[in-house]
């Protein structure tokens, strides 16, 4: 029944997501549990190593006095070449919002181009998730109550981890996944149709490699529920999201697409601010834990 309610919620609200921000009727976010002062009292564990390489580190933001807490595990973007776990756009609004709900927020780094190709990066992400699941109880978290989230290239890597058997085998089951505006879900289709050079810079010209690094083509069995946020202001993003969502459903999974009238950067930066967008993502996450 909860998933019927979730599907009805997204069906009713998806048209509103296509309106401009001034046209949207923003809903109030869910009740805040902790005060601003309490949020500032968070414990932050920085540069916790999950592997031997300098980039294999994560930061853990822990609310005060938590036990058995939910976990948001965040993977940054940056065209597979740039980005950092501590960037304000990655951490500030998301951590404040979910720490107020007694949720641990983890932000991870991983090796980047040219040191590591995208498949190696996905291996790093899987290793980081597995490490966090192993250590979660020490931080006051529940390893079975993790939501994995990624933005842009980070969303592609997260999608690849949950879709590919070799990476699936490295991690324990999670509650679900939130993908924030990745156009790189069906790589052969994207690279063949896009004029943007960043994709060939990241994935090269070898079409067999494209298939290996393509979440759409690797997916062959049911995974935990997935919410895919896409920008209606960006080419390819929502068509890729819809195609991947249909594939997820075809193998027995639960998936929803949330189109929003925000830019690629705004989808990352504004998640956690009071808005209809934040409310919908938070609603999806809450349904996973009921």
C-alpha atoms as a PDB file:
ATOM      1  CA  UNK A   1       0.000   0.000   0.000  1.00  0.00           C
ATOM      2  CA  UNK A   2       2.818   2.432   0.802  1.00  0.00           C
ATOM      3  CA  UNK A   3       4.179   2.047  -2.730  1.00  0.00           C
ATOM      4  CA  UNK A   4       0.725   2.651  -4.215  1.00  0.00           C
ATOM      5  CA  UNK A   5       0.593   5.866  -2.185  1.00  0.00           C
ATOM      6  CA  UNK A   6       4.066   6.820  -3.389  1.00  0.00           C
ATOM      7  CA  UNK A   7       3.177   6.220  -7.043  1.00  0.00           C
ATOM      8  CA  UNK A   8      -0.052   8.223  -6.696  1.00  0.00           C
ATOM      9  CA  UNK A   9       1.909  11.037  -5.016  1.00  0.00           C
ATOM     10  CA  UNK A  10       4.334  11.319  -7.919  1.00  0.00           C
ATOM     11  CA  UNK A  11       1.604  10.991 -10.552  1.00  0.00           C
ATOM     12  CA  UNK A  12      -0.337  13.875  -9.020  1.00  0.00           C
ATOM     13  CA  UNK A  13       2.696  16.112  -8.556  1.00  0.00           C
ATOM     14  CA  UNK A  14       4.822  15.416 -11.644  1.00  0.00           C
ATOM     15  CA  UNK A  15       2.971  18.004 -13.790  1.00  0.00           C
ATOM     16  CA  UNK A  16       3.568  20.651 -11.154  1.00  0.00           C
ATOM     17  CA  UNK A  17       7.297  19.913 -11.400  1.00  0.00           C
ATOM     18  CA  UNK A  18       7.284  21.080 -14.996  1.00  0.00           C
ATOM     19  CA  UNK A  19       6.091  24.560 -14.004  1.00  0.00           C
ATOM     20  CA  UNK A  20       8.463  27.441 -13.412  1.00  0.00           C
ATOM     21  CA  UNK A  21       9.559  28.036  -9.820  1.00  0.00           C
ATOM     22  CA  UNK A  22       7.186  31.004  -9.545  1.00  0.00           C
ATOM     23  CA  UNK A  23       4.291  28.816 -10.673  1.00  0.00           C
ATOM     24  CA  UNK A  24       4.993  25.928  -8.318  1.00  0.00           C
ATOM     25  CA  UNK A  25       3.044  25.663  -5.086  1.00  0.00           C
ATOM     26  CA  UNK A  26       5.856  24.797  -2.767  1.00  0.00           C
ATOM     27  CA  UNK A  27       4.965  22.409   0.012  1.00  0.00           C
ATOM     28  CA  UNK A  28       6.320  22.811   3.508  1.00  0.00           C
ATOM     29  CA  UNK A  29       9.110  20.348   4.333  1.00  0.00           C
ATOM     30  CA  UNK A  30       8.449  17.658   6.895  1.00  0.00           C
ATOM     31  CA  UNK A  31       8.638  18.525  10.570  1.00  0.00           C
ATOM     32  CA  UNK A  32      12.110  19.441  11.725  1.00  0.00           C
ATOM     33  CA  UNK A  33      13.254  17.317  14.624  1.00  0.00           C
ATOM     34  CA  UNK A  34      16.394  19.118  15.764  1.00  0.00           C
ATOM     35  CA  UNK A  35      16.918  22.840  16.318  1.00  0.00           C
ATOM     36  CA  UNK A  36      19.534  24.846  14.407  1.00  0.00           C
ATOM     37  CA  UNK A  37      21.702  24.917  17.519  1.00  0.00           C
ATOM     38  CA  UNK A  38      21.551  21.154  17.812  1.00  0.00           C
ATOM     39  CA  UNK A  39      22.471  20.742  14.151  1.00  0.00           C
ATOM     40  CA  UNK A  40      25.539  22.890  14.658  1.00  0.00           C
ATOM     41  CA  UNK A  41      26.508  20.502  17.473  1.00  0.00           C
ATOM     42  CA  UNK A  42      26.954  17.734  14.926  1.00  0.00           C
ATOM     43  CA  UNK A  43      30.050  15.604  15.031  1.00  0.00           C
ATOM     44  CA  UNK A  44      32.009  15.620  11.768  1.00  0.00           C
ATOM     45  CA  UNK A  45      34.533  12.895  11.094  1.00  0.00           C
ATOM     46  CA  UNK A  46      36.705  14.101   8.219  1.00  0.00           C
ATOM     47  CA  UNK A  47      38.940  12.255   5.782  1.00  0.00           C
ATOM     48  CA  UNK A  48      38.079   8.777   7.010  1.00  0.00           C
ATOM     49  CA  UNK A  49      40.011   6.409   4.755  1.00  0.00           C
ATOM     50  CA  UNK A  50      38.226   3.487   3.121  1.00  0.00           C
ATOM     51  CA  UNK A  51      41.218   2.447   0.982  1.00  0.00           C
ATOM     52  CA  UNK A  52      44.936   3.053   0.461  1.00  0.00           C
ATOM     53  CA  UNK A  53      44.694   5.828  -2.165  1.00  0.00           C
ATOM     54  CA  UNK A  54      44.654   9.487  -1.128  1.00  0.00           C
ATOM     55  CA  UNK A  55      41.283  10.084  -2.797  1.00  0.00           C
ATOM     56  CA  UNK A  56      39.614   7.164  -1.023  1.00  0.00           C
ATOM     57  CA  UNK A  57      38.272   9.180   1.886  1.00  0.00           C
ATOM     58  CA  UNK A  58      34.876  10.211   3.222  1.00  0.00           C
ATOM     59  CA  UNK A  59      33.389  12.704   5.682  1.00  0.00           C
ATOM     60  CA  UNK A  60      30.689  11.636   8.138  1.00  0.00           C
ATOM     61  CA  UNK A  61      28.258  14.210   9.560  1.00  0.00           C
ATOM     62  CA  UNK A  62      26.576  12.787  12.673  1.00  0.00           C
ATOM     63  CA  UNK A  63      23.663  14.378  14.566  1.00  0.00           C
ATOM     64  CA  UNK A  64      23.930  14.464  18.363  1.00  0.00           C
ATOM     65  CA  UNK A  65      22.747  11.444  20.337  1.00  0.00           C
ATOM     66  CA  UNK A  66      21.716   9.186  17.469  1.00  0.00           C
ATOM     67  CA  UNK A  67      21.324   5.433  17.552  1.00  0.00           C
ATOM     68  CA  UNK A  68      20.146   3.126  14.778  1.00  0.00           C
ATOM     69  CA  UNK A  69      19.893   6.171  12.497  1.00  0.00           C
ATOM     70  CA  UNK A  70      19.151   6.307   8.800  1.00  0.00           C
ATOM     71  CA  UNK A  71      22.068   7.218   6.522  1.00  0.00           C
ATOM     72  CA  UNK A  72      22.294   9.342   3.364  1.00  0.00           C
ATOM     73  CA  UNK A  73      25.409   8.343   1.415  1.00  0.00           C
ATOM     74  CA  UNK A  74      26.287  11.082  -1.116  1.00  0.00           C
ATOM     75  CA  UNK A  75      28.537  10.797  -4.196  1.00  0.00           C
ATOM     76  CA  UNK A  76      29.609  14.086  -5.803  1.00  0.00           C
ATOM     77  CA  UNK A  77      29.732  14.829  -9.524  1.00  0.00           C
ATOM     78  CA  UNK A  78      32.219  16.706 -11.680  1.00  0.00           C
ATOM     79  CA  UNK A  79      32.399  15.094 -15.154  1.00  0.00           C
ATOM     80  CA  UNK A  80      34.351  12.125 -13.705  1.00  0.00           C
ATOM     81  CA  UNK A  81      37.347  14.485 -13.509  1.00  0.00           C
ATOM     82  CA  UNK A  82      36.619  17.104 -10.826  1.00  0.00           C
ATOM     83  CA  UNK A  83      34.685  17.628  -7.612  1.00  0.00           C
ATOM     84  CA  UNK A  84      35.162  17.036  -3.904  1.00  0.00           C
ATOM     85  CA  UNK A  85      33.193  15.576  -1.008  1.00  0.00           C
ATOM     86  CA  UNK A  86      33.392  18.808   1.008  1.00  0.00           C
ATOM     87  CA  UNK A  87      32.005  21.173  -1.635  1.00  0.00           C
ATOM     88  CA  UNK A  88      29.328  23.497  -0.227  1.00  0.00           C
ATOM     89  CA  UNK A  89      26.923  22.565  -3.033  1.00  0.00           C
ATOM     90  CA  UNK A  90      27.216  18.913  -2.016  1.00  0.00           C
ATOM     91  CA  UNK A  91      27.064  19.201   1.754  1.00  0.00           C
ATOM     92  CA  UNK A  92      25.467  22.336   3.191  1.00  0.00           C
ATOM     93  CA  UNK A  93      21.738  22.160   2.442  1.00  0.00           C
ATOM     94  CA  UNK A  94      21.469  18.377   2.295  1.00  0.00           C
ATOM     95  CA  UNK A  95      23.304  17.759   5.563  1.00  0.00           C
ATOM     96  CA  UNK A  96      21.385  20.447   7.450  1.00  0.00           C
ATOM     97  CA  UNK A  97      18.059  19.116   6.235  1.00  0.00           C
ATOM     98  CA  UNK A  98      18.671  15.445   6.982  1.00  0.00           C
ATOM     99  CA  UNK A  99      20.681  15.919  10.157  1.00  0.00           C
ATOM    100  CA  UNK A 100      17.615  17.736  11.490  1.00  0.00           C
ATOM    101  CA  UNK A 101      15.778  14.460  10.905  1.00  0.00           C
ATOM    102  CA  UNK A 102      18.294  12.409  12.902  1.00  0.00           C
ATOM    103  CA  UNK A 103      19.894  11.099   9.709  1.00  0.00           C
ATOM    104  CA  UNK A 104      23.642  10.643   9.290  1.00  0.00           C
ATOM    105  CA  UNK A 105      25.014  12.311   6.150  1.00  0.00           C
ATOM    106  CA  UNK A 106      28.119  10.832   4.493  1.00  0.00           C
ATOM    107  CA  UNK A 107      29.947  12.457   1.588  1.00  0.00           C
ATOM    108  CA  UNK A 108      32.653  10.500  -0.205  1.00  0.00           C
ATOM    109  CA  UNK A 109      35.524  11.098  -2.580  1.00  0.00           C
ATOM    110  CA  UNK A 110      36.814   8.625  -5.142  1.00  0.00           C
ATOM    111  CA  UNK A 111      39.663   8.554  -7.632  1.00  0.00           C
ATOM    112  CA  UNK A 112      39.139  10.745 -10.701  1.00  0.00           C
ATOM    113  CA  UNK A 113      40.302  10.982 -14.285  1.00  0.00           C
ATOM    114  CA  UNK A 114      42.998  10.647 -15.468  1.00  0.00           C
ATOM    115  CA  UNK A 115      44.116   8.487 -12.517  1.00  0.00           C
ATOM    116  CA  UNK A 116      41.027   6.277 -12.637  1.00  0.00           C
ATOM    117  CA  UNK A 117      38.553   5.555 -15.447  1.00  0.00           C
ATOM    118  CA  UNK A 118      34.791   5.526 -14.684  1.00  0.00           C
ATOM    119  CA  UNK A 119      34.648   1.751 -14.088  1.00  0.00           C
ATOM    120  CA  UNK A 120      37.439   2.085 -11.515  1.00  0.00           C
ATOM    121  CA  UNK A 121      35.603   5.033 -10.004  1.00  0.00           C
ATOM    122  CA  UNK A 122      32.480   2.872  -9.626  1.00  0.00           C
ATOM    123  CA  UNK A 123      34.616   0.261  -7.899  1.00  0.00           C
ATOM    124  CA  UNK A 124      35.762   2.965  -5.458  1.00  0.00           C
ATOM    125  CA  UNK A 125      32.159   4.006  -4.805  1.00  0.00           C
ATOM    126  CA  UNK A 126      31.124   0.399  -4.131  1.00  0.00           C
ATOM    127  CA  UNK A 127      34.077  -0.004  -1.780  1.00  0.00           C
ATOM    128  CA  UNK A 128      33.146   3.218   0.034  1.00  0.00           C
ATOM    129  CA  UNK A 129      29.519   2.118   0.468  1.00  0.00           C
ATOM    130  CA  UNK A 130      30.629  -1.266   1.797  1.00  0.00           C
ATOM    131  CA  UNK A 131      33.029   0.395   4.246  1.00  0.00           C
ATOM    132  CA  UNK A 132      30.309   2.755   5.508  1.00  0.00           C
ATOM    133  CA  UNK A 133      27.930  -0.170   5.983  1.00  0.00           C
ATOM    134  CA  UNK A 134      30.562  -1.989   8.034  1.00  0.00           C
ATOM    135  CA  UNK A 135      31.263   1.044  10.241  1.00  0.00           C
ATOM    136  CA  UNK A 136      27.732   2.466  10.441  1.00  0.00           C
ATOM    137  CA  UNK A 137      26.888   1.145  13.886  1.00  0.00           C
ATOM    138  CA  UNK A 138      30.031   2.775  15.327  1.00  0.00           C
ATOM    139  CA  UNK A 139      28.686   6.141  14.122  1.00  0.00           C
ATOM    140  CA  UNK A 140      25.190   5.560  15.499  1.00  0.00           C
ATOM    141  CA  UNK A 141      23.760   4.444  12.167  1.00  0.00           C
ATOM    142  CA  UNK A 142      21.926   1.385  10.912  1.00  0.00           C
ATOM    143  CA  UNK A 143      23.714  -0.208   7.921  1.00  0.00           C
ATOM    144  CA  UNK A 144      20.388  -1.608   6.692  1.00  0.00           C
ATOM    145  CA  UNK A 145      18.853   1.889   6.510  1.00  0.00           C
ATOM    146  CA  UNK A 146      21.121   3.526   3.949  1.00  0.00           C
ATOM    147  CA  UNK A 147      19.974   5.653   0.999  1.00  0.00           C
ATOM    148  CA  UNK A 148      22.613   6.057  -1.710  1.00  0.00           C
ATOM    149  CA  UNK A 149      22.503   9.377  -3.563  1.00  0.00           C
ATOM    150  CA  UNK A 150      24.622  10.880  -6.353  1.00  0.00           C
ATOM    151  CA  UNK A 151      24.632  13.975  -8.530  1.00  0.00           C
ATOM    152  CA  UNK A 152      25.643  14.156 -12.206  1.00  0.00           C
ATOM    153  CA  UNK A 153      28.691  11.911 -12.755  1.00  0.00           C
ATOM    154  CA  UNK A 154      28.192  10.739  -9.179  1.00  0.00           C
ATOM    155  CA  UNK A 155      24.637   9.691 -10.079  1.00  0.00           C
ATOM    156  CA  UNK A 156      25.992   7.701 -13.030  1.00  0.00           C
ATOM    157  CA  UNK A 157      28.472   5.923 -10.735  1.00  0.00           C
ATOM    158  CA  UNK A 158      25.775   5.138  -8.183  1.00  0.00           C
ATOM    159  CA  UNK A 159      23.484   3.829 -10.931  1.00  0.00           C
ATOM    160  CA  UNK A 160      26.323   1.675 -12.245  1.00  0.00           C
ATOM    161  CA  UNK A 161      27.022   0.240  -8.783  1.00  0.00           C
ATOM    162  CA  UNK A 162      23.409  -0.779  -8.168  1.00  0.00           C
ATOM    163  CA  UNK A 163      23.051  -2.201 -11.707  1.00  0.00           C
ATOM    164  CA  UNK A 164      26.254  -4.190 -12.213  1.00  0.00           C
ATOM    165  CA  UNK A 165      26.683  -7.666 -10.657  1.00  0.00           C
ATOM    166  CA  UNK A 166      30.388  -7.216  -9.895  1.00  0.00           C
ATOM    167  CA  UNK A 167      29.600  -4.099  -7.845  1.00  0.00           C
ATOM    168  CA  UNK A 168      26.309  -5.361  -6.383  1.00  0.00           C
ATOM    169  CA  UNK A 169      28.198  -8.244  -4.825  1.00  0.00           C
ATOM    170  CA  UNK A 170      30.473  -5.843  -2.920  1.00  0.00           C
ATOM    171  CA  UNK A 171      27.718  -4.084  -0.959  1.00  0.00           C
ATOM    172  CA  UNK A 172      24.884  -5.103   1.327  1.00  0.00           C
ATOM    173  CA  UNK A 173      21.279  -4.243   0.415  1.00  0.00           C
ATOM    174  CA  UNK A 174      20.259  -0.605   0.809  1.00  0.00           C
ATOM    175  CA  UNK A 175      16.840   0.957   1.305  1.00  0.00           C
ATOM    176  CA  UNK A 176      16.984   2.709  -2.048  1.00  0.00           C
ATOM    177  CA  UNK A 177      18.703   5.130  -4.396  1.00  0.00           C
ATOM    178  CA  UNK A 178      18.247   8.776  -5.430  1.00  0.00           C
ATOM    179  CA  UNK A 179      19.842   9.815  -8.725  1.00  0.00           C
ATOM    180  CA  UNK A 180      20.201  13.579  -9.187  1.00  0.00           C
ATOM    181  CA  UNK A 181      20.246  14.573 -12.858  1.00  0.00           C
ATOM    182  CA  UNK A 182      22.490  12.124 -14.653  1.00  0.00           C
ATOM    183  CA  UNK A 183      22.151  12.013 -18.423  1.00  0.00           C
ATOM    184  CA  UNK A 184      24.663   9.135 -18.544  1.00  0.00           C
ATOM    185  CA  UNK A 185      22.419   6.137 -17.913  1.00  0.00           C
ATOM    186  CA  UNK A 186      22.318   4.671 -21.435  1.00  0.00           C
ATOM    187  CA  UNK A 187      25.858   5.455 -22.577  1.00  0.00           C
ATOM    188  CA  UNK A 188      25.790   4.138 -26.170  1.00  0.00           C
ATOM    189  CA  UNK A 189      22.667   6.168 -26.926  1.00  0.00           C
ATOM    190  CA  UNK A 190      24.007   9.260 -25.159  1.00  0.00           C
ATOM    191  CA  UNK A 191      27.496   9.278 -26.661  1.00  0.00           C
ATOM    192  CA  UNK A 192      26.216   8.530 -30.152  1.00  0.00           C
ATOM    193  CA  UNK A 193      23.722  11.402 -30.049  1.00  0.00           C
ATOM    194  CA  UNK A 194      25.533  14.037 -27.980  1.00  0.00           C
ATOM    195  CA  UNK A 195      27.929  16.628 -29.328  1.00  0.00           C
ATOM    196  CA  UNK A 196      29.382  17.321 -25.895  1.00  0.00           C
ATOM    197  CA  UNK A 197      33.053  16.273 -25.777  1.00  0.00           C
ATOM    198  CA  UNK A 198      33.062  15.479 -22.053  1.00  0.00           C
ATOM    199  CA  UNK A 199      31.507  12.043 -22.576  1.00  0.00           C
ATOM    200  CA  UNK A 200      34.140  10.790 -25.019  1.00  0.00           C
ATOM    201  CA  UNK A 201      36.821  12.313 -22.836  1.00  0.00           C
ATOM    202  CA  UNK A 202      35.523  10.192 -19.980  1.00  0.00           C
ATOM    203  CA  UNK A 203      34.519   7.004 -21.822  1.00  0.00           C
ATOM    204  CA  UNK A 204      36.671   7.027 -24.950  1.00  0.00           C
ATOM    205  CA  UNK A 205      35.693   5.597 -28.341  1.00  0.00           C
ATOM    206  CA  UNK A 206      35.463   1.907 -27.470  1.00  0.00           C
ATOM    207  CA  UNK A 207      31.808   0.895 -27.748  1.00  0.00           C
ATOM    208  CA  UNK A 208      32.316  -2.278 -25.733  1.00  0.00           C
ATOM    209  CA  UNK A 209      33.559  -0.087 -22.873  1.00  0.00           C
ATOM    210  CA  UNK A 210      30.451   2.073 -23.218  1.00  0.00           C
ATOM    211  CA  UNK A 211      28.328  -1.034 -22.626  1.00  0.00           C
ATOM    212  CA  UNK A 212      30.370  -2.053 -19.581  1.00  0.00           C
ATOM    213  CA  UNK A 213      29.963   1.416 -18.068  1.00  0.00           C
ATOM    214  CA  UNK A 214      26.292   1.828 -19.022  1.00  0.00           C
ATOM    215  CA  UNK A 215      23.849   1.287 -16.124  1.00  0.00           C
ATOM    216  CA  UNK A 216      20.990   0.665 -18.567  1.00  0.00           C
ATOM    217  CA  UNK A 217      22.833  -2.186 -20.261  1.00  0.00           C
ATOM    218  CA  UNK A 218      24.231  -3.719 -17.066  1.00  0.00           C
ATOM    219  CA  UNK A 219      20.915  -3.856 -15.251  1.00  0.00           C
ATOM    220  CA  UNK A 220      19.377  -7.342 -15.384  1.00  0.00           C
ATOM    221  CA  UNK A 221      17.678  -7.940 -12.041  1.00  0.00           C
ATOM    222  CA  UNK A 222      15.503  -6.225  -9.457  1.00  0.00           C
ATOM    223  CA  UNK A 223      17.157  -3.614  -7.243  1.00  0.00           C
ATOM    224  CA  UNK A 224      15.935  -1.475  -4.339  1.00  0.00           C
ATOM    225  CA  UNK A 225      13.568   1.409  -5.274  1.00  0.00           C
ATOM    226  CA  UNK A 226      15.075   4.242  -7.301  1.00  0.00           C
ATOM    227  CA  UNK A 227      14.014   7.893  -7.615  1.00  0.00           C
ATOM    228  CA  UNK A 228      15.484   9.648 -10.665  1.00  0.00           C
ATOM    229  CA  UNK A 229      15.453  13.454 -10.609  1.00  0.00           C
ATOM    230  CA  UNK A 230      15.965  15.147 -13.978  1.00  0.00           C
ATOM    231  CA  UNK A 231      16.156  18.728 -15.210  1.00  0.00           C
ATOM    232  CA  UNK A 232      13.551  19.702 -17.791  1.00  0.00           C
ATOM    233  CA  UNK A 233      15.956  22.466 -18.836  1.00  0.00           C
ATOM    234  CA  UNK A 234      18.664  20.031 -19.923  1.00  0.00           C
ATOM    235  CA  UNK A 235      18.918  17.935 -23.081  1.00  0.00           C
ATOM    236  CA  UNK A 236      18.879  14.138 -22.633  1.00  0.00           C
ATOM    237  CA  UNK A 237      18.434  14.145 -18.861  1.00  0.00           C
ATOM    238  CA  UNK A 238      14.729  13.311 -18.654  1.00  0.00           C
ATOM    239  CA  UNK A 239      14.674  10.995 -21.682  1.00  0.00           C
ATOM    240  CA  UNK A 240      17.558   9.029 -20.159  1.00  0.00           C
ATOM    241  CA  UNK A 241      15.783   9.017 -16.789  1.00  0.00           C
ATOM    242  CA  UNK A 242      12.534   7.719 -18.282  1.00  0.00           C
ATOM    243  CA  UNK A 243      14.283   4.962 -20.238  1.00  0.00           C
ATOM    244  CA  UNK A 244      16.259   3.779 -17.199  1.00  0.00           C
ATOM    245  CA  UNK A 245      13.157   3.905 -15.016  1.00  0.00           C
ATOM    246  CA  UNK A 246      11.251   1.705 -17.472  1.00  0.00           C
ATOM    247  CA  UNK A 247      14.144  -0.771 -17.478  1.00  0.00           C
ATOM    248  CA  UNK A 248      14.144  -0.857 -13.664  1.00  0.00           C
ATOM    249  CA  UNK A 249      10.420  -1.600 -13.654  1.00  0.00           C
ATOM    250  CA  UNK A 250      10.781  -4.231 -16.391  1.00  0.00           C
ATOM    251  CA  UNK A 251      13.093  -6.306 -14.168  1.00  0.00           C
ATOM    252  CA  UNK A 252      10.692  -6.124 -11.228  1.00  0.00           C
ATOM    253  CA  UNK A 253      11.882  -2.982  -9.452  1.00  0.00           C
ATOM    254  CA  UNK A 254      10.143   0.189  -8.291  1.00  0.00           C
ATOM    255  CA  UNK A 255      11.196   3.435  -9.911  1.00  0.00           C
ATOM    256  CA  UNK A 256       9.871   6.980 -10.247  1.00  0.00           C
ATOM    257  CA  UNK A 257      11.063   9.909 -12.336  1.00  0.00           C
ATOM    258  CA  UNK A 258      10.855  13.414 -10.869  1.00  0.00           C
ATOM    259  CA  UNK A 259      11.234  16.093 -13.568  1.00  0.00           C
ATOM    260  CA  UNK A 260      11.954  19.544 -12.104  1.00  0.00           C
ATOM    261  CA  UNK A 261      12.293  22.979 -13.650  1.00  0.00           C
ATOM    262  CA  UNK A 262      15.742  23.558 -12.183  1.00  0.00           C
ATOM    263  CA  UNK A 263      19.174  23.721 -13.757  1.00  0.00           C
ATOM    264  CA  UNK A 264      21.680  20.911 -13.422  1.00  0.00           C
ATOM    265  CA  UNK A 265      23.516  22.834 -10.689  1.00  0.00           C
ATOM    266  CA  UNK A 266      20.339  23.885  -8.883  1.00  0.00           C
ATOM    267  CA  UNK A 267      19.201  20.267  -8.568  1.00  0.00           C
ATOM    268  CA  UNK A 268      22.323  19.651  -6.516  1.00  0.00           C
ATOM    269  CA  UNK A 269      22.539  22.909  -4.587  1.00  0.00           C
ATOM    270  CA  UNK A 270      18.871  23.376  -3.693  1.00  0.00           C
ATOM    271  CA  UNK A 271      18.086  19.914  -2.379  1.00  0.00           C
ATOM    272  CA  UNK A 272      17.453  20.457   1.305  1.00  0.00           C
ATOM    273  CA  UNK A 273      16.067  23.979   1.003  1.00  0.00           C
ATOM    274  CA  UNK A 274      12.341  24.449   1.751  1.00  0.00           C
ATOM    275  CA  UNK A 275      10.667  23.615  -1.571  1.00  0.00           C
ATOM    276  CA  UNK A 276       8.305  21.277  -3.345  1.00  0.00           C
ATOM    277  CA  UNK A 277      11.384  19.553  -4.810  1.00  0.00           C
ATOM    278  CA  UNK A 278      12.914  18.796  -1.392  1.00  0.00           C
ATOM    279  CA  UNK A 279       9.531  17.671  -0.080  1.00  0.00           C
ATOM    280  CA  UNK A 280       9.130  15.115  -2.891  1.00  0.00           C
ATOM    281  CA  UNK A 281      12.608  13.652  -2.454  1.00  0.00           C
ATOM    282  CA  UNK A 282      12.118  13.468   1.308  1.00  0.00           C
ATOM    283  CA  UNK A 283       8.704  11.805   0.849  1.00  0.00           C
ATOM    284  CA  UNK A 284      10.259   9.127  -1.353  1.00  0.00           C
ATOM    285  CA  UNK A 285      12.939   8.459   1.266  1.00  0.00           C
ATOM    286  CA  UNK A 286      10.459   8.302   4.138  1.00  0.00           C
ATOM    287  CA  UNK A 287       8.361   5.716   2.287  1.00  0.00           C
ATOM    288  CA  UNK A 288      11.383   3.434   2.045  1.00  0.00           C
ATOM    289  CA  UNK A 289      11.655   3.173   5.817  1.00  0.00           C
ATOM    290  CA  UNK A 290       7.976   2.450   6.577  1.00  0.00           C
END
